[in-house]
Amino acid sequence: MQDVNSESLTAETASGRPRQAAFAFILVTVLLDMLALGMIVPILPRLVIDFVDGNRALATDVYGLFSTVWALMQFLFSPVQGALSDRFGRRPVILASNIGLGLDYILMALAPSLMLLFIGRVISGITSASFSVANAYVADVTPPEQRAGRFGMIGAAFGVGFIVGPALGGFLGSEDPRLPFWIAAAFSLLNGLYGVFVLPESLPPAKRAAFSWRRANPLGALKLLRSHRELFGLAAASFLNSLAHAALPSVTVLYMTFRYGWNSRLIGLSMTFIGLCALVVQGFLISRFVARFGDRAALITGLAFGVAGFACFGLAETGHQFWMSIPLVALWGLGGAAIAALMTKRVPAHEQGQLQGANASLIGIANMIGPIIFTFMYARAIESSFGPWLSGTPFLLASAFLAIALVIGWRVTRPG
């Protein structure tokens, strides 16, 4: 049945319907997975505090360990799942991940101890590493000229999940801190069950590659990115792009509180505005921009907006100036989608899973070291005697990272 699905998907691409239906499922999968992950965000710290008898200092250290280990699992297992999908197809890996993630949420909902909650978080990092496989699926079913727009829509699904998820999780968790885990489990299991019946395979057997641990381990997978100059340059730009992004979750809330004196309501409104602006750009603007100007123009334009937006964040003297800078940062989303699309055009179909796994490992590295860099810089800045303006230096550093990415991207994508 899987082979038939693969052949039919390939044979009927002229109508566009199988591709549209397959992409729609992947879009819903990413949305539900991010909604489930987002629901856990406001609840997990509360459970950790309960397990350590209200010791907030210890809870902070433990929660930091949870976050680091989750990112480490992403780094280790994204290339493994990518290589498995290149060998056995995208469908079984995605469905196994959905079901595994759902069962893991049940484990965390029932966890009677901090150790079991920690184990659940480790499993969550492993099973959610299938986002790289979802990106490979998108590359399989999307013509090269439309990939940037599709990756932008995947980014929009991420954004919606992280806008709605925490709000829903906070509401449900106010009644019972375990309830969001049960709802997240239901989302993942129902999505996996639905996929069993409707999700076709996107990678025909003729285009699959043999599995090897040399390709599946993170260091081996990263070798693919060095296979030629353009791909290596785009990978470097992708890493710097992800590193700059780490500034947002690391210091933004702290910065808003320290520099502008905002309360939780204003912070929540600003984060919602950031999410909505990103949703407009990634869900509606990217595909139109790429169709008219091309992937290279989107890469350069998006990174240029990112440079300007982060610089404005760091230099904004008032809260109004910060708010006015948010659309600039949202337009930065043009660049990330374009980088992803340009990278997929430089590897064959049987290496798309390995490519996405390697790229996810790069993002994992950025997510591990980025928070350390930006929080350290922020802490030293607010300790200085130069005034509150220095607290914006993490955003200025992020702007510098994007400026370097812009130069690299411009050079490696030059025609001829």
Protein backbone atom coordinates (compact mmCIF):
# COMPACT_ATOMS: atom_id res chain seq x y z
CA MET A 1 0.00 0.00 0.00
CA GLN A 2 2.85 2.36 0.79
CA ASP A 3 4.46 1.77 -2.62
CA VAL A 4 1.14 2.39 -4.37
CA ASN A 5 0.73 5.64 -2.47
CA SER A 6 4.24 6.67 -3.46
CA GLU A 7 3.65 5.93 -7.13
CA SER A 8 0.26 7.62 -7.21
CA LEU A 9 1.64 10.70 -5.53
CA THR A 10 4.38 10.93 -8.14
CA ALA A 11 2.17 10.09 -11.10
CA GLU A 12 -0.62 12.54 -10.30
CA THR A 13 1.42 15.65 -9.65
CA ALA A 14 0.09 17.27 -12.78
CA SER A 15 -3.25 17.88 -11.12
CA GLY A 16 -1.61 19.23 -8.00
CA ARG A 17 -4.26 17.61 -5.79
CA PRO A 18 -2.16 14.89 -4.12
CA ARG A 19 0.56 17.40 -3.39
CA GLN A 20 -1.94 19.88 -1.98
CA ALA A 21 -3.59 17.23 0.23
CA ALA A 22 -0.24 15.88 1.43
CA PHE A 23 1.08 19.34 2.23
CA ALA A 24 -2.15 20.22 4.02
CA PHE A 25 -1.70 17.21 6.32
CA ILE A 26 1.91 18.14 7.09
CA LEU A 27 0.81 21.71 7.80
CA VAL A 28 -1.84 20.48 10.22
CA THR A 29 0.67 18.06 11.77
CA VAL A 30 3.15 20.85 12.47
CA LEU A 31 0.39 23.12 13.76
CA LEU A 32 -0.95 20.51 16.20
CA ASP A 33 2.53 19.48 17.32
CA MET A 34 3.52 23.10 18.01
CA LEU A 35 0.16 23.73 19.70
CA ALA A 36 0.84 20.76 21.97
CA LEU A 37 4.40 21.89 22.70
CA GLY A 38 3.20 25.45 23.30
CA MET A 39 0.58 24.26 25.79
CA ILE A 40 3.35 22.79 27.92
CA VAL A 41 5.42 26.00 28.06
CA PRO A 42 3.55 27.77 30.91
CA ILE A 43 2.87 24.56 32.85
CA LEU A 44 6.16 22.66 32.95
CA PRO A 45 7.96 25.20 35.21
CA ARG A 46 5.06 25.03 37.66
CA LEU A 47 5.31 21.23 37.86
CA VAL A 48 9.06 21.46 38.39
CA ILE A 49 8.53 23.95 41.25
CA ASP A 50 6.00 21.59 42.84
CA PHE A 51 8.43 18.66 42.64
CA VAL A 52 11.21 20.62 44.40
CA ASP A 53 8.89 21.81 47.20
CA GLY A 54 8.72 25.41 46.04
CA ASN A 55 12.50 26.02 45.92
CA ARG A 56 12.51 28.49 43.02
CA ALA A 57 16.30 28.74 42.70
CA LEU A 58 16.59 24.96 42.41
CA ALA A 59 13.59 24.88 40.07
CA THR A 60 15.32 27.41 37.79
CA ASP A 61 18.43 25.23 37.57
CA VAL A 62 16.38 22.10 36.93
CA TYR A 63 14.24 23.76 34.28
CA GLY A 64 17.39 25.04 32.57
CA LEU A 65 18.65 21.45 32.48
CA PHE A 66 15.32 20.33 30.99
CA SER A 67 15.65 22.91 28.20
CA THR A 68 19.28 22.06 27.45
CA VAL A 69 18.62 18.32 27.31
CA TRP A 70 15.60 18.86 25.03
CA ALA A 71 17.79 20.84 22.59
CA LEU A 72 20.51 18.17 22.86
CA MET A 73 18.04 15.45 21.87
CA GLN A 74 17.02 17.54 18.88
CA PHE A 75 20.69 17.83 17.89
CA LEU A 76 21.34 14.10 18.23
CA PHE A 77 18.16 12.61 16.78
CA SER A 78 17.16 15.00 13.97
CA PRO A 79 19.76 13.49 11.59
CA VAL A 80 18.82 9.96 12.73
CA GLN A 81 15.18 10.51 11.83
CA GLY A 82 16.15 12.26 8.60
CA ALA A 83 18.33 9.32 7.54
CA LEU A 84 15.61 6.83 8.53
CA SER A 85 13.12 8.73 6.37
CA ASP A 86 15.55 8.62 3.42
CA ARG A 87 15.69 4.83 3.82
CA PHE A 88 12.13 3.84 4.79
CA GLY A 89 10.12 6.86 3.61
CA ARG A 90 8.77 9.94 5.35
CA ARG A 91 5.37 8.49 6.24
CA PRO A 92 6.34 5.85 8.85
CA VAL A 93 8.75 8.21 10.62
CA ILE A 94 6.20 11.03 10.86
CA LEU A 95 3.43 8.72 12.08
CA ALA A 96 5.69 7.00 14.62
CA SER A 97 6.73 10.41 15.91
CA ASN A 98 3.12 11.57 16.30
CA ILE A 99 2.14 8.45 18.22
CA GLY A 100 5.34 8.46 20.29
CA LEU A 101 4.87 12.10 21.22
CA GLY A 102 1.27 11.44 22.27
CA LEU A 103 2.29 8.53 24.50
CA ASP A 104 5.07 10.65 25.97
CA TYR A 105 2.61 13.39 26.96
CA ILE A 106 0.61 10.71 28.79
CA LEU A 107 3.78 9.67 30.61
CA MET A 108 4.40 13.27 31.70
CA ALA A 109 0.75 13.70 32.72
CA LEU A 110 1.08 10.70 35.04
CA ALA A 111 4.69 11.29 36.18
CA PRO A 112 4.82 10.89 39.99
CA SER A 113 8.42 12.10 40.30
CA LEU A 114 10.82 14.67 38.87
CA MET A 115 12.95 11.91 37.34
CA LEU A 116 10.03 10.52 35.31
CA LEU A 117 9.12 14.05 34.21
CA PHE A 118 12.73 14.50 33.10
CA ILE A 119 12.64 11.20 31.18
CA GLY A 120 9.45 12.37 29.51
CA ARG A 121 11.16 15.59 28.45
CA VAL A 122 14.05 13.59 26.96
CA ILE A 123 11.60 11.45 24.97
CA SER A 124 9.79 14.60 23.86
CA GLY A 125 13.04 15.98 22.44
CA ILE A 126 13.60 12.73 20.53
CA THR A 127 10.10 12.33 19.09
CA SER A 128 9.65 15.99 18.16
CA ALA A 129 12.89 15.80 16.16
CA SER A 130 10.66 14.67 13.26
CA PHE A 131 10.16 18.31 12.27
CA SER A 132 13.16 17.77 10.02
CA VAL A 133 11.29 14.90 8.33
CA ALA A 134 8.24 17.13 7.89
CA ASN A 135 10.45 19.64 6.06
CA ALA A 136 11.84 16.84 3.88
CA TYR A 137 8.25 15.81 3.06
CA VAL A 138 7.48 19.38 2.02
CA ALA A 139 10.53 19.36 -0.26
CA ASP A 140 9.37 16.05 -1.79
CA VAL A 141 5.86 17.25 -2.70
CA THR A 142 6.61 20.87 -3.63
CA PRO A 143 8.10 22.16 -6.90
CA PRO A 144 11.43 23.95 -6.26
CA GLU A 145 10.06 27.36 -7.17
CA GLN A 146 7.30 27.09 -4.54
CA ARG A 147 9.35 25.74 -1.63
CA ALA A 148 10.14 29.07 0.03
CA GLY A 149 6.43 29.86 0.22
CA ARG A 150 5.62 26.43 1.63
CA PHE A 151 8.40 26.67 4.21
CA GLY A 152 7.01 30.07 5.12
CA MET A 153 3.60 28.50 5.74
CA ILE A 154 5.25 25.86 7.93
CA GLY A 155 6.84 28.74 9.84
CA ALA A 156 3.41 30.33 10.16
CA ALA A 157 2.07 27.08 11.65
CA PHE A 158 4.91 27.22 14.19
CA GLY A 159 3.89 30.78 15.01
CA VAL A 160 0.21 29.99 15.44
CA GLY A 161 1.08 27.07 17.70
CA PHE A 162 3.20 29.25 19.93
CA ILE A 163 0.62 32.05 20.03
CA VAL A 164 -2.40 29.88 20.85
CA GLY A 165 -0.64 27.03 22.70
CA PRO A 166 0.70 28.92 25.74
CA ALA A 167 -2.58 30.82 26.17
CA LEU A 168 -4.59 27.58 26.02
CA GLY A 169 -2.13 25.78 28.28
CA GLY A 170 -2.22 28.57 30.84
CA PHE A 171 -6.03 28.55 30.87
CA LEU A 172 -6.31 24.77 31.21
CA GLY A 173 -3.43 24.57 33.67
CA SER A 174 -5.13 26.99 36.03
CA GLU A 175 -7.68 24.25 36.68
CA ASP A 176 -5.28 21.31 36.74
CA PRO A 177 -1.54 21.47 35.83
CA ARG A 178 -1.74 17.96 34.37
CA LEU A 179 -4.67 18.71 32.05
CA PRO A 180 -2.63 20.40 29.26
CA PHE A 181 -0.53 17.23 28.96
CA TRP A 182 -3.67 15.14 28.41
CA ILE A 183 -4.98 17.56 25.77
CA ALA A 184 -1.57 17.63 24.07
CA ALA A 185 -1.56 13.81 24.04
CA ALA A 186 -5.00 13.78 22.43
CA PHE A 187 -3.87 16.20 19.70
CA SER A 188 -0.81 14.09 18.85
CA LEU A 189 -2.56 10.70 18.94
CA LEU A 190 -5.58 11.82 16.91
CA ASN A 191 -3.28 13.43 14.35
CA GLY A 192 -1.27 10.22 14.07
CA LEU A 193 -4.42 8.12 13.72
CA TYR A 194 -5.74 10.44 11.03
CA GLY A 195 -2.44 10.20 9.17
CA VAL A 196 -2.54 6.41 9.16
CA PHE A 197 -5.56 6.59 6.86
CA VAL A 198 -4.88 9.66 4.72
CA LEU A 199 -1.15 10.46 4.56
CA PRO A 200 0.52 9.17 1.35
CA GLU A 201 4.21 8.41 1.10
CA SER A 202 6.19 11.19 -0.60
CA LEU A 203 9.48 9.40 -1.34
CA PRO A 204 9.24 6.58 -3.93
CA PRO A 205 11.36 3.46 -3.24
CA ALA A 206 13.50 4.18 -6.30
CA LYS A 207 14.68 7.45 -4.74
CA ARG A 208 15.55 6.09 -1.30
CA ALA A 209 19.05 5.73 0.14
CA ALA A 210 20.55 3.01 2.30
CA PHE A 211 20.66 3.78 6.01
CA SER A 212 24.07 4.16 7.62
CA TRP A 213 25.16 5.47 11.00
CA ARG A 214 27.82 7.50 9.22
CA ARG A 215 25.06 9.61 7.69
CA ALA A 216 22.72 9.41 10.69
CA ASN A 217 25.00 10.70 13.43
CA PRO A 218 25.10 14.51 13.78
CA LEU A 219 28.72 14.92 12.73
CA GLY A 220 28.28 12.59 9.77
CA ALA A 221 25.10 14.37 8.70
CA LEU A 222 26.84 17.74 8.90
CA LYS A 223 29.40 16.51 6.34
CA LEU A 224 26.67 16.75 3.72
CA LEU A 225 26.61 20.51 4.27
CA ARG A 226 30.26 20.67 3.21
CA SER A 227 29.62 18.82 -0.04
CA HIS A 228 29.94 22.00 -2.11
CA ARG A 229 30.56 25.69 -1.59
CA GLU A 230 27.05 27.04 -2.02
CA LEU A 231 25.44 24.54 0.34
CA PHE A 232 28.11 25.15 2.97
CA GLY A 233 27.63 28.91 2.70
CA LEU A 234 23.86 28.61 3.02
CA ALA A 235 24.33 26.30 6.03
CA ALA A 236 26.55 28.93 7.66
CA ALA A 237 23.90 31.58 6.98
CA SER A 238 21.22 29.27 8.42
CA PHE A 239 23.27 28.72 11.59
CA LEU A 240 23.82 32.46 12.11
CA ASN A 241 20.14 33.07 11.42
CA SER A 242 19.16 30.55 14.11
CA LEU A 243 21.75 31.93 16.51
CA ALA A 244 20.29 35.43 16.13
CA HIS A 245 16.79 34.06 16.70
CA ALA A 246 17.88 32.69 20.09
CA ALA A 247 18.02 36.30 21.35
CA LEU A 248 14.22 36.57 21.24
CA PRO A 249 13.23 33.87 23.76
CA SER A 250 16.38 34.42 25.84
CA VAL A 251 16.21 38.11 26.76
CA THR A 252 13.16 39.81 25.23
CA VAL A 253 10.88 39.55 28.28
CA LEU A 254 13.71 40.53 30.63
CA TYR A 255 14.58 43.47 28.38
CA MET A 256 10.99 44.72 28.19
CA THR A 257 10.70 44.63 31.97
CA PHE A 258 14.05 46.29 32.69
CA ARG A 259 14.20 48.97 30.01
CA TYR A 260 10.54 49.95 29.61
CA GLY A 261 9.05 48.86 32.93
CA TRP A 262 6.29 46.88 31.21
CA ASN A 263 3.95 44.67 33.21
CA SER A 264 2.87 41.17 32.19
CA ARG A 265 -0.12 42.53 30.26
CA LEU A 266 1.99 44.78 28.03
CA ILE A 267 4.55 42.03 27.55
CA GLY A 268 1.81 39.60 26.54
CA LEU A 269 0.33 42.07 24.07
CA SER A 270 3.72 42.75 22.52
CA MET A 271 4.50 39.04 22.15
CA THR A 272 1.11 38.51 20.53
CA PHE A 273 1.80 41.38 18.13
CA ILE A 274 5.16 39.83 17.24
CA GLY A 275 3.45 36.51 16.55
CA LEU A 276 0.70 38.06 14.44
CA CYS A 277 3.16 40.05 12.33
CA ALA A 278 5.26 36.92 11.78
CA LEU A 279 2.10 35.02 10.82
CA VAL A 280 1.20 37.58 8.15
CA VAL A 281 4.71 37.51 6.67
CA GLN A 282 5.21 33.75 6.72
CA GLY A 283 1.67 32.73 5.89
CA PHE A 284 0.83 35.24 3.16
CA LEU A 285 3.74 37.41 2.05
CA ILE A 286 6.60 34.97 1.41
CA SER A 287 4.98 32.97 -1.39
CA ARG A 288 3.94 36.13 -3.22
CA PHE A 289 7.33 37.78 -2.79
CA VAL A 290 9.22 34.71 -4.02
CA ALA A 291 6.88 34.25 -7.00
CA ARG A 292 7.67 37.80 -8.13
CA PHE A 293 11.30 38.33 -7.12
CA GLY A 294 12.80 34.86 -6.51
CA ASP A 295 14.46 33.03 -3.61
CA ARG A 296 17.71 35.02 -3.69
CA ALA A 297 15.92 38.35 -3.42
CA ALA A 298 13.86 36.98 -0.52
CA LEU A 299 17.03 35.84 1.27
CA ILE A 300 18.77 39.21 0.91
CA THR A 301 15.68 41.28 1.67
CA GLY A 302 14.68 39.21 4.69
CA LEU A 303 18.13 39.23 6.28
CA ALA A 304 18.43 42.98 5.65
CA PHE A 305 15.15 43.56 7.49
CA GLY A 306 16.42 41.33 10.29
CA VAL A 307 19.61 43.40 10.62
CA ALA A 308 17.58 46.62 10.77
CA GLY A 309 14.89 45.21 13.07
CA PHE A 310 17.24 43.85 15.72
CA ALA A 311 19.30 47.05 15.62
CA CYS A 312 16.11 49.03 16.24
CA PHE A 313 15.18 46.70 19.11
CA GLY A 314 18.53 47.30 20.75
CA LEU A 315 18.49 51.09 20.24
CA ALA A 316 14.80 51.78 20.96
CA GLU A 317 14.68 54.27 23.84
CA THR A 318 10.93 54.00 24.37
CA GLY A 319 8.34 51.25 24.27
CA HIS A 320 6.64 52.91 21.29
CA GLN A 321 9.88 52.74 19.31
CA PHE A 322 10.18 49.06 20.19
CA TRP A 323 6.64 48.39 18.94
CA MET A 324 7.37 50.23 15.69
CA SER A 325 10.37 47.94 15.14
CA ILE A 326 8.34 44.72 15.38
CA PRO A 327 7.17 44.69 11.71
CA LEU A 328 10.82 45.00 10.61
CA VAL A 329 11.76 41.92 12.60
CA ALA A 330 8.71 40.07 11.24
CA LEU A 331 9.86 40.75 7.65
CA TRP A 332 13.07 38.96 8.57
CA GLY A 333 11.01 35.77 8.05
CA LEU A 334 11.53 36.16 4.29
CA GLY A 335 15.17 35.24 4.78
CA GLY A 336 14.78 32.03 6.78
CA ALA A 337 12.27 30.49 4.37
CA ALA A 338 14.45 31.42 1.39
CA ILE A 339 17.55 29.84 2.94
CA ALA A 340 15.65 26.59 3.53
CA ALA A 341 14.32 26.55 -0.04
CA LEU A 342 17.71 27.30 -1.60
CA MET A 343 19.33 24.49 0.38
CA THR A 344 16.78 21.91 -0.81
CA LYS A 345 17.61 22.77 -4.43
CA ARG A 346 21.23 21.73 -3.93
CA VAL A 347 20.71 18.08 -2.89
CA PRO A 348 18.91 15.18 -4.64
CA ALA A 349 15.64 13.66 -3.41
CA HIS A 350 17.28 10.75 -1.58
CA GLU A 351 19.30 13.19 0.57
CA GLN A 352 16.51 15.57 1.56
CA GLY A 353 15.98 13.82 4.89
CA GLN A 354 19.69 13.93 5.70
CA LEU A 355 19.78 17.60 4.71
CA GLN A 356 16.89 18.52 6.98
CA GLY A 357 18.37 16.45 9.80
CA ALA A 358 21.72 18.20 9.44
CA ASN A 359 20.06 21.59 9.34
CA ALA A 360 18.01 20.72 12.43
CA SER A 361 21.25 19.75 14.19
CA LEU A 362 22.68 23.17 13.36
CA ILE A 363 19.56 24.78 14.82
CA GLY A 364 19.96 22.56 17.89
CA ILE A 365 23.53 23.79 18.38
CA ALA A 366 22.34 27.39 18.02
CA ASN A 367 19.58 26.77 20.56
CA MET A 368 22.09 25.35 23.02
CA ILE A 369 24.73 28.07 22.83
CA GLY A 370 22.58 31.07 21.87
CA PRO A 371 20.77 31.47 25.20
CA ILE A 372 24.10 31.24 27.04
CA ILE A 373 25.65 33.98 24.88
CA PHE A 374 22.73 36.38 25.01
CA THR A 375 21.82 35.97 28.68
CA PHE A 376 25.48 36.36 29.69
CA MET A 377 25.78 39.54 27.62
CA TYR A 378 22.49 40.89 28.99
CA ALA A 379 23.48 40.19 32.60
CA ARG A 380 26.82 41.95 32.19
CA ALA A 381 25.13 44.89 30.44
CA ILE A 382 22.60 45.60 33.19
CA GLU A 383 25.34 45.30 35.80
CA SER A 384 27.36 48.06 34.14
CA SER A 385 27.21 51.73 35.05
CA PHE A 386 26.59 52.97 31.50
CA GLY A 387 22.81 53.22 31.81
CA PRO A 388 19.84 51.17 30.54
CA TRP A 389 20.68 51.70 26.85
CA LEU A 390 23.44 49.08 27.16
CA SER A 391 20.82 46.41 27.95
CA GLY A 392 20.03 46.31 24.21
CA THR A 393 23.46 44.93 23.28
CA PRO A 394 22.19 41.32 22.88
CA PHE A 395 19.91 42.54 20.07
CA LEU A 396 22.80 44.46 18.51
CA LEU A 397 24.85 41.26 18.57
CA ALA A 398 21.97 39.42 16.90
CA SER A 399 21.90 42.15 14.26
CA ALA A 400 25.63 41.63 13.67
CA PHE A 401 25.13 37.86 13.26
CA LEU A 402 22.47 38.53 10.63
CA ALA A 403 24.70 41.04 8.85
CA ILE A 404 27.37 38.34 8.50
CA ALA A 405 24.71 35.88 7.29
CA LEU A 406 23.57 38.47 4.74
CA VAL A 407 27.07 38.87 3.32
CA ILE A 408 27.59 35.10 3.13
CA GLY A 409 24.19 34.51 1.52
CA TRP A 410 24.73 37.29 -1.01
CA ARG A 411 28.13 35.91 -2.03
CA VAL A 412 27.29 32.20 -2.35
CA THR A 413 24.09 32.80 -4.36
CA ARG A 414 25.59 35.19 -6.90
CA PRO A 415 24.81 34.06 -10.48
CA GLY A 416 27.72 32.59 -12.40
